[in-house]
Amino acid sequence: MSGKWTERDIPDQRGRVAIVTGANTGLGFETARALAERGASVVLAVRDVEKGKRAAARISGDVAVQELDLTSLESVRAAAADLRAAHQRIDLLINNAGVMYTPKQTTRDGFEMQFGTNHLGHFALTGLLLDRLLPVPGSRVTTVSSVGHRIRAAIHFDDLQWERSYGRAAAYGQSKLANLMFTYELQRRLTAHGTTAAVAAHPGVSNTELARNSPALLRLPLTWLAPVITQNPAMGALPTLRAATDPAVLGGQYYGPDGMGEVRGHPRLVTSSPESYDVGVQQRLWAVSEKLTGVEFPV
């Protein structure tokens, strides 16, 4: 392997099945493209099927499109049923889709939009598909978090849905912290099986449409500074790709860019916030998530 991990270091993926959520644009598209080019059969799990089809047409390889709206548990269950019918085995589940800094709104099930989409939707999808991964040696669940998990972030069990007050940055931080806590607790539960690993990654600061809901006071400065403080989606996808495919990766690890502040650069092993490693909170969040989604894991 070269000194800096790049797409060239992705092992041969022929014979493997990868599900990538939010794969019609940005980081998800680049993740799906790279996996397909290395031989994987890739499913773009997307909310807008027509956009998904246009994205699939731009990718060389075996690519399919699956409708998935993470803001609806009904849609998550339907998508999981379709995927289970189509695939007896799944090698990679990449929980990439997400929303950021949305105005106060709720999912179809009444969850705060960022927590419901970024965490609960992926929690439910993973639980419904996990038995397709467990028999497959080397299979992985890779969940995309963010440097935002450090910003005003905590799991507000007394107001998970931000009904009393709402701060879009704090709500985003909670959802991305939840992604990490989910990964760490999932890995703890998977360890006894020895086949499937749970790993997390973050893209640094990537120039994608995810930031379209940033407060107006931030959007213009971010536009001016984008060439300096952001990296393109292909680079931003590298931590996810390494977490998903590098044979040296271990369950429970977290990958991000190697540059200053983990903003830009090539993927390396990083650490998350001290709060994210709180086992008691991880387990409490897991129990709450099972109750809210109605999904219980087969581990």
Foldseek 3Di string as FASTA:
>chain_A
DDPFDALVPFAQAAPAEEEFEPCLDFLNVLLQQSNQVSHYQYEYAYQDQVSVVVSVVVHPHHYHYFHADLLDLVRLVVRLVVVVVVALAHQEYELEDFAALADFDGRPLRATRRQSRQALSVLQNCQSNVVRHLVAANGEYEHEAELLLPPLEDCPPVCNRQPPHDDRSHNNNPNRLLRLLLQQVVQVVCVVSNGYAYEYEYQAAAPTCNCVNPPPVVPVVCVVCVVPQHHYRNQSNQQRSCCGGPPPHGHSWYWAAPDVVSRGHGIDTDDHDPNSPPNVVSVVSSVVSCVSSVRDHPD
